[in-house]
Amino acid sequence: MIHEVTKNEIFQLKEILVSQFGQVIENDPFIHYVVYEDTKIKGILSYSLMYDRMELNYIWVDDFYRKQGIGSQLLTYMHEIGRKNQVQNISLEVACNNAPAIHLYKQFGYEIKAIREKYYHGIDGFLMVKEMIK
């Protein structure tokens, strides 16, 4: 169910990314897309793997399929990739008012390290980091 995006899923992935995030980043060798699907894409996770660190770019779960553990499964999958690649840490930014996401990230060991003022169209964001190698 969770896998790197396939050629057959590219069009659907691009539609979701544009509708949810306003953009698609293409031709960047560091960026990877993982999807959760069975008959359609129900969740997406995009991460950048840059040598000894990772960054969570996007995580999205279709409204209809939320609260079914899909986001947790996608994060777990990304963490496994991080361990295999011996990354030192994973970072992300999240809007300060996105309590469900912040709660999820804290459950996975992410800590708030800084505030990004007006990072999300006037809304502050948190920089959160999970140390992988201590």
N, C-alpha and C. Protein backbone atom coordinates (compact mmCIF):
# COMPACT_ATOMS: atom_id res chain seq x y z
N MET A 1 0.81 -1.21 0.00
CA MET A 1 0.00 0.00 0.00
C MET A 1 0.85 1.27 0.00
N ILE A 2 1.97 1.27 0.72
CA ILE A 2 2.85 2.44 0.71
C ILE A 2 4.02 2.13 -0.20
N HIS A 3 4.26 3.04 -1.15
CA HIS A 3 5.35 2.84 -2.10
C HIS A 3 5.75 4.17 -2.73
N GLU A 4 6.93 4.18 -3.36
CA GLU A 4 7.33 5.34 -4.13
C GLU A 4 6.31 5.51 -5.26
N VAL A 5 6.03 6.73 -5.62
CA VAL A 5 5.04 7.00 -6.66
C VAL A 5 5.46 6.32 -7.96
N THR A 6 4.47 5.77 -8.67
CA THR A 6 4.74 5.11 -9.95
C THR A 6 4.37 6.05 -11.10
N LYS A 7 4.80 5.70 -12.28
CA LYS A 7 4.47 6.51 -13.47
C LYS A 7 2.96 6.63 -13.65
N ASN A 8 2.22 5.56 -13.34
CA ASN A 8 0.77 5.58 -13.50
C ASN A 8 0.08 6.53 -12.51
N GLU A 9 0.77 6.87 -11.42
CA GLU A 9 0.17 7.73 -10.40
C GLU A 9 0.60 9.20 -10.50
N ILE A 10 1.53 9.49 -11.40
CA ILE A 10 2.10 10.84 -11.49
C ILE A 10 1.02 11.90 -11.73
N PHE A 11 0.11 11.67 -12.67
CA PHE A 11 -0.90 12.68 -12.99
C PHE A 11 -1.79 12.96 -11.77
N GLN A 12 -2.25 11.90 -11.10
CA GLN A 12 -3.10 12.07 -9.91
C GLN A 12 -2.31 12.76 -8.80
N LEU A 13 -1.04 12.40 -8.62
CA LEU A 13 -0.18 13.04 -7.62
C LEU A 13 -0.07 14.54 -7.89
N LYS A 14 0.21 14.90 -9.14
CA LYS A 14 0.36 16.31 -9.49
C LYS A 14 -0.93 17.09 -9.23
N GLU A 15 -2.07 16.51 -9.57
CA GLU A 15 -3.36 17.17 -9.31
C GLU A 15 -3.55 17.44 -7.82
N ILE A 16 -3.24 16.47 -7.00
CA ILE A 16 -3.40 16.62 -5.55
C ILE A 16 -2.45 17.68 -5.02
N LEU A 17 -1.19 17.63 -5.44
CA LEU A 17 -0.21 18.60 -4.94
C LEU A 17 -0.56 20.03 -5.33
N VAL A 18 -1.04 20.23 -6.55
CA VAL A 18 -1.43 21.58 -6.97
C VAL A 18 -2.66 22.04 -6.20
N SER A 19 -3.65 21.16 -6.02
CA SER A 19 -4.86 21.56 -5.32
C SER A 19 -4.63 21.79 -3.83
N GLN A 20 -3.74 21.02 -3.21
CA GLN A 20 -3.53 21.12 -1.77
C GLN A 20 -2.41 22.08 -1.38
N PHE A 21 -1.36 22.16 -2.21
CA PHE A 21 -0.19 22.93 -1.84
C PHE A 21 0.17 24.01 -2.86
N GLY A 22 -0.55 24.05 -3.97
CA GLY A 22 -0.34 25.10 -4.95
C GLY A 22 0.88 24.91 -5.83
N GLN A 23 1.55 23.79 -5.73
CA GLN A 23 2.75 23.60 -6.55
C GLN A 23 3.14 22.14 -6.63
N VAL A 24 3.98 21.86 -7.62
CA VAL A 24 4.63 20.57 -7.77
C VAL A 24 6.09 20.87 -8.02
N ILE A 25 6.97 20.27 -7.26
CA ILE A 25 8.39 20.45 -7.48
C ILE A 25 8.87 19.28 -8.31
N GLU A 26 9.42 19.59 -9.48
CA GLU A 26 9.88 18.54 -10.38
C GLU A 26 11.38 18.69 -10.63
N ASN A 27 11.97 17.63 -11.06
CA ASN A 27 13.37 17.62 -11.47
C ASN A 27 14.33 18.04 -10.36
N ASP A 28 14.03 17.69 -9.14
CA ASP A 28 14.93 17.91 -8.02
C ASP A 28 15.38 16.54 -7.56
N PRO A 29 16.67 16.22 -7.69
CA PRO A 29 17.12 14.86 -7.38
C PRO A 29 17.00 14.48 -5.91
N PHE A 30 16.77 15.44 -5.02
CA PHE A 30 16.68 15.14 -3.60
C PHE A 30 15.25 14.82 -3.16
N ILE A 31 14.25 15.19 -3.96
CA ILE A 31 12.86 15.06 -3.55
C ILE A 31 12.27 13.71 -3.99
N HIS A 32 11.57 13.08 -3.04
CA HIS A 32 10.92 11.79 -3.27
C HIS A 32 9.45 11.90 -2.88
N TYR A 33 8.60 11.15 -3.57
CA TYR A 33 7.18 11.10 -3.26
C TYR A 33 6.78 9.67 -2.93
N VAL A 34 6.08 9.51 -1.82
CA VAL A 34 5.58 8.22 -1.38
C VAL A 34 4.06 8.35 -1.31
N VAL A 35 3.36 7.32 -1.74
CA VAL A 35 1.91 7.36 -1.70
C VAL A 35 1.36 6.18 -0.91
N TYR A 36 0.20 6.41 -0.31
CA TYR A 36 -0.58 5.36 0.32
C TYR A 36 -1.78 5.18 -0.58
N GLU A 37 -1.90 4.00 -1.15
CA GLU A 37 -3.02 3.78 -2.07
C GLU A 37 -3.46 2.34 -2.02
N ASP A 38 -4.72 2.13 -2.41
CA ASP A 38 -5.17 0.78 -2.73
C ASP A 38 -5.87 0.84 -4.09
N THR A 39 -6.97 1.54 -4.19
CA THR A 39 -7.58 1.76 -5.51
C THR A 39 -7.37 3.19 -5.99
N LYS A 40 -7.00 4.07 -5.07
CA LYS A 40 -6.67 5.46 -5.41
C LYS A 40 -5.71 5.98 -4.35
N ILE A 41 -5.11 7.10 -4.64
CA ILE A 41 -4.19 7.70 -3.67
C ILE A 41 -5.00 8.27 -2.51
N LYS A 42 -4.70 7.80 -1.32
CA LYS A 42 -5.39 8.27 -0.11
C LYS A 42 -4.49 9.16 0.73
N GLY A 43 -3.19 9.07 0.52
CA GLY A 43 -2.24 9.87 1.27
C GLY A 43 -0.95 10.04 0.50
N ILE A 44 -0.27 11.15 0.77
CA ILE A 44 0.99 11.46 0.09
C ILE A 44 1.98 11.96 1.13
N LEU A 45 3.21 11.57 0.97
CA LEU A 45 4.29 12.13 1.76
C LEU A 45 5.42 12.46 0.81
N SER A 46 5.93 13.68 0.91
CA SER A 46 7.08 14.09 0.11
C SER A 46 8.20 14.43 1.08
N TYR A 47 9.36 13.88 0.79
CA TYR A 47 10.53 14.19 1.62
C TYR A 47 11.73 14.46 0.74
N SER A 48 12.68 15.18 1.31
CA SER A 48 13.96 15.41 0.65
C SER A 48 15.01 14.66 1.44
N LEU A 49 15.82 13.91 0.74
CA LEU A 49 16.93 13.19 1.35
C LEU A 49 18.21 13.86 0.85
N MET A 50 18.90 14.52 1.76
CA MET A 50 20.08 15.30 1.41
C MET A 50 21.25 14.81 2.24
N TYR A 51 21.95 13.83 1.70
CA TYR A 51 23.14 13.29 2.34
C TYR A 51 22.81 12.70 3.71
N ASP A 52 23.10 13.41 4.81
CA ASP A 52 22.90 12.82 6.14
C ASP A 52 21.68 13.39 6.87
N ARG A 53 20.77 14.03 6.12
CA ARG A 53 19.57 14.54 6.76
C ARG A 53 18.38 14.44 5.81
N MET A 54 17.18 14.52 6.41
CA MET A 54 15.94 14.50 5.64
C MET A 54 15.10 15.70 6.03
N GLU A 55 14.23 16.08 5.11
CA GLU A 55 13.25 17.11 5.40
C GLU A 55 11.89 16.63 4.90
N LEU A 56 10.88 16.73 5.75
CA LEU A 56 9.52 16.41 5.36
C LEU A 56 8.96 17.62 4.64
N ASN A 57 8.67 17.48 3.36
CA ASN A 57 8.15 18.59 2.56
C ASN A 57 6.64 18.72 2.70
N TYR A 58 5.93 17.62 2.47
CA TYR A 58 4.48 17.60 2.52
C TYR A 58 4.01 16.28 3.10
N ILE A 59 2.92 16.35 3.84
CA ILE A 59 2.18 15.13 4.17
C ILE A 59 0.71 15.51 4.04
N TRP A 60 -0.04 14.66 3.39
CA TRP A 60 -1.45 14.92 3.13
C TRP A 60 -2.20 13.61 3.16
N VAL A 61 -3.38 13.63 3.78
CA VAL A 61 -4.29 12.49 3.76
C VAL A 61 -5.66 13.02 3.35
N ASP A 62 -6.27 12.36 2.40
CA ASP A 62 -7.62 12.72 1.93
C ASP A 62 -8.55 12.81 3.14
N ASP A 63 -9.36 13.87 3.19
CA ASP A 63 -10.27 14.10 4.32
C ASP A 63 -11.10 12.86 4.67
N PHE A 64 -11.56 12.14 3.66
CA PHE A 64 -12.42 10.98 3.87
C PHE A 64 -11.70 9.85 4.62
N TYR A 65 -10.37 9.81 4.51
CA TYR A 65 -9.59 8.70 5.10
C TYR A 65 -8.78 9.10 6.33
N ARG A 66 -9.03 10.28 6.84
CA ARG A 66 -8.29 10.72 8.03
C ARG A 66 -8.72 9.92 9.25
N LYS A 67 -7.86 9.92 10.25
CA LYS A 67 -8.06 9.22 11.52
C LYS A 67 -8.12 7.70 11.33
N GLN A 68 -7.40 7.23 10.30
CA GLN A 68 -7.30 5.80 10.07
C GLN A 68 -5.84 5.33 10.16
N GLY A 69 -4.96 6.22 10.61
CA GLY A 69 -3.55 5.85 10.79
C GLY A 69 -2.70 5.98 9.54
N ILE A 70 -3.23 6.54 8.48
CA ILE A 70 -2.48 6.65 7.23
C ILE A 70 -1.29 7.60 7.41
N GLY A 71 -1.50 8.74 8.05
CA GLY A 71 -0.40 9.68 8.29
C GLY A 71 0.70 9.04 9.11
N SER A 72 0.33 8.31 10.13
CA SER A 72 1.32 7.62 10.97
C SER A 72 2.09 6.58 10.16
N GLN A 73 1.40 5.85 9.30
CA GLN A 73 2.07 4.85 8.48
C GLN A 73 3.06 5.50 7.50
N LEU A 74 2.66 6.64 6.93
CA LEU A 74 3.55 7.34 6.01
C LEU A 74 4.79 7.85 6.74
N LEU A 75 4.61 8.41 7.94
CA LEU A 75 5.77 8.87 8.72
C LEU A 75 6.68 7.71 9.10
N THR A 76 6.10 6.59 9.50
CA THR A 76 6.90 5.42 9.85
C THR A 76 7.72 4.95 8.65
N TYR A 77 7.11 4.95 7.49
CA TYR A 77 7.80 4.56 6.26
C TYR A 77 8.98 5.49 6.00
N MET A 78 8.77 6.80 6.15
CA MET A 78 9.84 7.77 5.94
C MET A 78 10.96 7.56 6.95
N HIS A 79 10.61 7.30 8.21
CA HIS A 79 11.63 7.08 9.24
C HIS A 79 12.47 5.84 8.93
N GLU A 80 11.84 4.80 8.38
CA GLU A 80 12.59 3.61 7.99
C GLU A 80 13.60 3.94 6.90
N ILE A 81 13.19 4.74 5.94
CA ILE A 81 14.12 5.17 4.89
C ILE A 81 15.26 5.98 5.51
N GLY A 82 14.93 6.84 6.46
CA GLY A 82 15.95 7.62 7.15
C GLY A 82 16.95 6.74 7.87
N ARG A 83 16.46 5.71 8.55
CA ARG A 83 17.36 4.80 9.26
C ARG A 83 18.27 4.05 8.28
N LYS A 84 17.69 3.57 7.19
CA LYS A 84 18.48 2.85 6.18
C LYS A 84 19.58 3.74 5.61
N ASN A 85 19.30 5.04 5.50
CA ASN A 85 20.26 5.98 4.94
C ASN A 85 21.11 6.66 6.02
N GLN A 86 20.94 6.22 7.25
CA GLN A 86 21.70 6.72 8.39
C GLN A 86 21.66 8.26 8.50
N VAL A 87 20.46 8.82 8.33
CA VAL A 87 20.33 10.27 8.48
C VAL A 87 20.46 10.64 9.95
N GLN A 88 20.98 11.84 10.19
CA GLN A 88 21.16 12.30 11.55
C GLN A 88 19.88 12.91 12.12
N ASN A 89 19.11 13.60 11.26
CA ASN A 89 17.87 14.18 11.74
C ASN A 89 16.90 14.39 10.59
N ILE A 90 15.64 14.60 10.98
CA ILE A 90 14.57 14.92 10.04
C ILE A 90 13.93 16.21 10.54
N SER A 91 13.75 17.18 9.64
CA SER A 91 13.13 18.44 10.03
C SER A 91 11.87 18.67 9.20
N LEU A 92 11.03 19.56 9.73
CA LEU A 92 9.80 19.93 9.04
C LEU A 92 9.34 21.29 9.56
N GLU A 93 8.49 21.92 8.81
CA GLU A 93 7.80 23.13 9.26
C GLU A 93 6.31 22.84 9.30
N VAL A 94 5.64 23.38 10.31
CA VAL A 94 4.20 23.19 10.46
C VAL A 94 3.59 24.47 11.00
N ALA A 95 2.41 24.82 10.53
CA ALA A 95 1.73 26.02 11.02
C ALA A 95 1.43 25.86 12.51
N CYS A 96 1.66 26.92 13.27
CA CYS A 96 1.46 26.88 14.73
C CYS A 96 0.02 26.55 15.11
N ASN A 97 -0.93 26.83 14.22
CA ASN A 97 -2.33 26.56 14.54
C ASN A 97 -2.81 25.19 14.06
N ASN A 98 -1.90 24.35 13.57
CA ASN A 98 -2.26 23.02 13.09
C ASN A 98 -2.04 22.00 14.22
N ALA A 99 -2.90 22.07 15.22
CA ALA A 99 -2.75 21.24 16.42
C ALA A 99 -2.72 19.74 16.13
N PRO A 100 -3.57 19.20 15.23
CA PRO A 100 -3.51 17.75 14.98
C PRO A 100 -2.15 17.31 14.43
N ALA A 101 -1.59 18.08 13.51
CA ALA A 101 -0.29 17.73 12.94
C ALA A 101 0.81 17.83 13.99
N ILE A 102 0.79 18.89 14.77
CA ILE A 102 1.81 19.07 15.82
C ILE A 102 1.74 17.91 16.81
N HIS A 103 0.54 17.52 17.18
CA HIS A 103 0.36 16.38 18.10
C HIS A 103 0.96 15.10 17.49
N LEU A 104 0.68 14.86 16.22
CA LEU A 104 1.21 13.67 15.54
C LEU A 104 2.74 13.71 15.53
N TYR A 105 3.30 14.84 15.16
CA TYR A 105 4.77 14.93 15.09
C TYR A 105 5.40 14.72 16.47
N LYS A 106 4.79 15.26 17.50
CA LYS A 106 5.33 15.07 18.85
C LYS A 106 5.27 13.60 19.25
N GLN A 107 4.21 12.89 18.86
CA GLN A 107 4.12 11.46 19.14
C GLN A 107 5.27 10.68 18.50
N PHE A 108 5.78 11.20 17.40
CA PHE A 108 6.88 10.55 16.68
C PHE A 108 8.25 11.08 17.10
N GLY A 109 8.29 11.89 18.15
CA GLY A 109 9.57 12.33 18.69
C GLY A 109 10.11 13.63 18.14
N TYR A 110 9.31 14.37 17.39
CA TYR A 110 9.75 15.66 16.88
C TYR A 110 9.64 16.69 18.00
N GLU A 111 10.59 17.62 18.03
CA GLU A 111 10.59 18.68 19.02
C GLU A 111 10.59 20.03 18.32
N ILE A 112 9.90 21.00 18.92
CA ILE A 112 9.89 22.35 18.37
C ILE A 112 11.24 22.98 18.66
N LYS A 113 11.90 23.46 17.61
CA LYS A 113 13.23 24.05 17.75
C LYS A 113 13.24 25.55 17.51
N ALA A 114 12.28 26.06 16.72
CA ALA A 114 12.26 27.50 16.41
C ALA A 114 10.89 27.87 15.88
N ILE A 115 10.63 29.17 15.88
CA ILE A 115 9.39 29.71 15.31
C ILE A 115 9.76 30.44 14.02
N ARG A 116 9.03 30.15 12.97
CA ARG A 116 9.19 30.84 11.68
C ARG A 116 8.06 31.86 11.60
N GLU A 117 8.39 33.12 11.83
CA GLU A 117 7.36 34.16 11.86
C GLU A 117 6.70 34.34 10.49
N LYS A 118 5.37 34.33 10.52
CA LYS A 118 4.54 34.55 9.33
C LYS A 118 4.93 33.64 8.16
N TYR A 119 5.31 32.44 8.45
CA TYR A 119 5.80 31.47 7.47
C TYR A 119 4.69 30.99 6.53
N TYR A 120 3.49 30.88 7.05
CA TYR A 120 2.35 30.39 6.27
C TYR A 120 1.34 31.50 6.04
N HIS A 121 1.59 32.34 5.05
CA HIS A 121 0.67 33.43 4.69
C HIS A 121 0.22 34.22 5.91
N GLY A 122 1.18 34.65 6.71
CA GLY A 122 0.88 35.46 7.88
C GLY A 122 0.73 34.68 9.17
N ILE A 123 0.70 33.37 9.10
CA ILE A 123 0.59 32.53 10.29
C ILE A 123 1.99 31.99 10.62
N ASP A 124 2.36 32.09 11.88
CA ASP A 124 3.66 31.58 12.30
C ASP A 124 3.73 30.07 12.11
N GLY A 125 4.94 29.58 11.92
CA GLY A 125 5.18 28.15 11.80
C GLY A 125 6.22 27.70 12.81
N PHE A 126 6.17 26.43 13.13
CA PHE A 126 7.20 25.84 13.99
C PHE A 126 8.18 25.07 13.11
N LEU A 127 9.45 25.19 13.43
CA LEU A 127 10.45 24.29 12.88
C LEU A 127 10.55 23.16 13.91
N MET A 128 10.29 21.93 13.46
CA MET A 128 10.35 20.76 14.32
C MET A 128 11.43 19.82 13.80
N VAL A 129 12.14 19.18 14.72
CA VAL A 129 13.24 18.30 14.36
C VAL A 129 13.16 17.01 15.17
N LYS A 130 13.45 15.90 14.49
CA LYS A 130 13.58 14.60 15.15
C LYS A 130 15.02 14.15 14.94
N GLU A 131 15.71 13.93 16.04
CA GLU A 131 17.08 13.41 15.98
C GLU A 131 17.01 11.91 15.74
N MET A 132 17.72 11.45 14.73
CA MET A 132 17.70 10.02 14.40
C MET A 132 18.92 9.30 14.96
N ILE A 133 20.07 9.96 14.95
CA ILE A 133 21.31 9.37 15.45
C ILE A 133 21.78 10.24 16.60
N LYS A 134 21.91 9.64 17.76
CA LYS A 134 22.34 10.41 18.92
C LYS A 134 23.70 9.95 19.39
